[in-house]
Amino acid sequence: MSSRLHPGLAALLWAVAVISSIGLSALSAGRPRPQEGPPDAPSRPRPLLPAERATLEAEQRALERDLAAARDRLGRWPRVAELEGKGPDGAPLLPDGLPDNPAAEAVGWVVEGCGPLTGAEPPADWRWCPDDGTLIALGLPPR
C-alpha cells in the first residue's frame, strides 16, 4: 500500500492550510492593543458613607505603614513604578498591594505628585510623593 496522497488532494490540503494561516494572522493583527495608563472609570454617584470613609482612612494608614517599611528595605522611598514590584529580597514591596479607593474615579491607580493638590490631578486612587513619603487618598474630602 502506498502512503502517498493523490496530487490533487495534497494541493487542496496545502491550499486550506495556507488560507487558514492567512485568515488567523489577519484576525490576530486586527485585535486592539491593551490600554496603557489609568483606566477610565465612571464618576462617583454619591459621597462616601461614614463607614466607607472610616474604612478608606484605615486602608490609607495601613498603606502608609507598608510604604514606610518599603522605605526601610530600600533605603529610600519607592518610586511609583516600583510600588507593585519586589524589593531586593524578592518579596513584594507592598505585601497587600494597592487597595482600591472608593472615593476616587480610578481603580488601583497611583499618580506621582508632591506639594498641595491642584485639582488638576489625573484620575487615580492615590497620589504618592516619593520625595517625602506623602500619600493622599484622592477624592477624599477633608474633614
Protein backbone atom coordinates (compact mmCIF):
# COMPACT_ATOMS: atom_id res chain seq x y z
CA MET A 1 0.00 0.00 0.00
CA SER A 2 1.21 3.43 -0.80
CA SER A 3 1.12 6.21 1.83
CA ARG A 4 1.27 8.99 -0.79
CA LEU A 5 -1.74 11.26 -1.24
CA HIS A 6 -3.29 11.90 -4.56
CA PRO A 7 -1.61 15.04 -6.01
CA GLY A 8 -4.94 16.89 -6.24
CA LEU A 9 -5.80 16.11 -2.59
CA ALA A 10 -2.35 17.17 -1.40
CA ALA A 11 -2.68 20.50 -3.25
CA LEU A 12 -6.14 21.02 -1.72
CA LEU A 13 -4.83 20.36 1.79
CA TRP A 14 -1.95 22.80 1.27
CA ALA A 15 -4.37 25.45 0.00
CA VAL A 16 -6.60 25.01 3.07
CA ALA A 17 -3.57 25.30 5.38
CA VAL A 18 -2.32 28.47 3.67
CA ILE A 19 -5.75 30.14 3.64
CA SER A 20 -6.30 29.22 7.32
CA SER A 21 -2.92 30.65 8.26
CA ILE A 22 -3.60 33.90 6.40
CA GLY A 23 -7.05 34.21 7.99
CA LEU A 24 -5.80 33.61 11.52
CA SER A 25 -2.94 36.06 11.01
CA ALA A 26 -5.38 38.73 9.80
CA LEU A 27 -7.64 38.15 12.82
CA SER A 28 -4.80 38.48 15.32
CA ALA A 29 -3.40 41.59 13.61
CA GLY A 30 -6.75 43.38 13.83
CA ARG A 31 -7.16 42.99 17.60
CA PRO A 32 -6.90 46.19 19.66
CA ARG A 33 -3.87 46.60 21.90
CA PRO A 34 -4.35 46.82 25.68
CA GLN A 35 -4.84 50.32 27.00
CA GLU A 36 -1.84 51.92 28.67
CA GLY A 37 -2.25 54.36 31.53
CA PRO A 38 -5.02 54.73 34.05
CA PRO A 39 -8.27 53.00 33.21
CA ASP A 40 -11.34 55.11 32.57
CA ALA A 41 -13.91 54.83 35.34
CA PRO A 42 -17.27 56.44 35.94
CA SER A 43 -17.65 59.30 38.38
CA ARG A 44 -18.87 58.54 41.87
CA PRO A 45 -22.63 58.88 42.06
CA ARG A 46 -22.68 59.80 45.76
CA PRO A 47 -20.45 60.89 48.64
CA LEU A 48 -18.83 58.31 50.89
CA LEU A 49 -20.84 56.96 53.77
CA PRO A 50 -19.21 57.43 57.20
CA ALA A 51 -18.33 53.71 57.38
CA GLU A 52 -16.76 53.85 53.90
CA ARG A 53 -14.72 56.88 54.90
CA ALA A 54 -13.51 55.14 58.07
CA THR A 55 -12.51 52.06 56.03
CA LEU A 56 -10.66 54.20 53.48
CA GLU A 57 -8.80 56.10 56.22
CA ALA A 58 -7.80 52.77 57.83
CA GLU A 59 -6.58 51.47 54.45
CA GLN A 60 -4.58 54.67 53.96
CA ARG A 61 -2.90 54.26 57.37
CA ALA A 62 -2.06 50.61 56.57
CA LEU A 63 -0.68 51.61 53.15
CA GLU A 64 1.41 54.35 54.80
CA ARG A 65 2.88 51.73 57.17
CA ASP A 66 3.66 49.43 54.22
CA LEU A 67 5.29 52.32 52.35
CA ALA A 68 7.44 53.18 55.40
CA ALA A 69 8.51 49.52 55.63
CA ALA A 70 9.37 49.62 51.90
CA ARG A 71 11.47 52.75 52.54
CA ASP A 72 13.33 50.93 55.30
CA ARG A 73 14.03 47.97 52.97
CA LEU A 74 15.14 50.14 50.03
CA GLY A 75 16.89 52.90 51.98
CA ARG A 76 14.66 55.45 50.17
CA TRP A 77 11.01 55.98 49.34
CA PRO A 78 9.88 53.77 46.43
CA ARG A 79 9.00 55.35 43.09
CA VAL A 80 5.50 54.88 41.69
CA ALA A 81 6.76 52.34 39.14
CA GLU A 82 8.18 50.21 41.99
CA LEU A 83 5.05 50.06 44.15
CA GLU A 84 3.73 46.86 42.60
CA GLY A 85 7.24 45.38 42.35
CA LYS A 86 9.52 43.42 44.62
CA GLY A 87 12.24 44.53 46.98
CA PRO A 88 15.87 43.40 46.97
CA ASP A 89 14.89 40.31 48.95
CA GLY A 90 12.36 39.24 46.27
CA ALA A 91 9.32 39.91 48.48
CA PRO A 92 6.64 42.37 47.29
CA LEU A 93 7.30 45.94 48.43
CA LEU A 94 3.64 46.26 49.39
CA PRO A 95 2.52 42.90 50.80
CA ASP A 96 -1.18 43.73 50.38
CA GLY A 97 -0.79 45.63 47.11
CA LEU A 98 -2.54 48.91 46.40
CA PRO A 99 -6.07 48.99 47.76
CA ASP A 100 -8.95 50.42 45.79
CA ASN A 101 -10.07 53.87 46.87
CA PRO A 102 -13.89 54.08 46.73
CA ALA A 103 -13.71 57.90 46.88
CA ALA A 104 -11.81 58.12 43.58
CA GLU A 105 -12.80 57.59 39.98
CA ALA A 106 -9.90 55.28 39.08
CA VAL A 107 -9.35 51.69 40.10
CA GLY A 108 -5.99 50.73 41.65
CA TRP A 109 -4.03 53.57 40.09
CA VAL A 110 -1.36 55.78 41.67
CA VAL A 111 -0.20 59.11 40.32
CA GLU A 112 3.09 60.68 41.38
CA GLY A 113 2.90 64.20 42.74
CA CYS A 114 4.22 66.35 45.55
CA GLY A 115 3.03 69.54 47.18
CA PRO A 116 -0.53 70.78 47.54
CA LEU A 117 -3.31 69.29 45.44
CA THR A 118 -4.14 71.42 42.42
CA GLY A 119 -7.46 69.87 41.46
CA ALA A 120 -6.00 69.01 38.06
CA GLU A 121 -4.65 65.59 39.09
CA PRO A 122 -5.44 62.80 36.62
CA PRO A 123 -7.94 60.15 37.73
CA ALA A 124 -6.23 57.98 40.32
CA ASP A 125 -6.91 56.32 43.64
CA TRP A 126 -3.81 57.66 45.34
CA ARG A 127 -1.28 60.43 44.91
CA TRP A 128 2.20 59.44 46.10
CA CYS A 129 5.19 61.70 46.65
CA PRO A 130 8.38 59.60 46.67
CA ASP A 131 10.40 62.67 47.70
CA ASP A 132 8.88 62.93 51.17
CA GLY A 133 6.57 59.90 51.55
CA THR A 134 3.27 61.80 51.39
CA LEU A 135 0.28 59.65 50.46
CA ILE A 136 -3.08 61.22 49.63
CA ALA A 137 -6.33 59.35 49.03
CA LEU A 138 -7.72 61.28 46.07
CA GLY A 139 -11.41 62.10 46.16
CA LEU A 140 -11.50 62.06 49.95
CA PRO A 141 -12.79 65.43 51.09
CA PRO A 142 -11.00 66.89 54.11
CA ARG A 143 -12.74 66.63 57.49
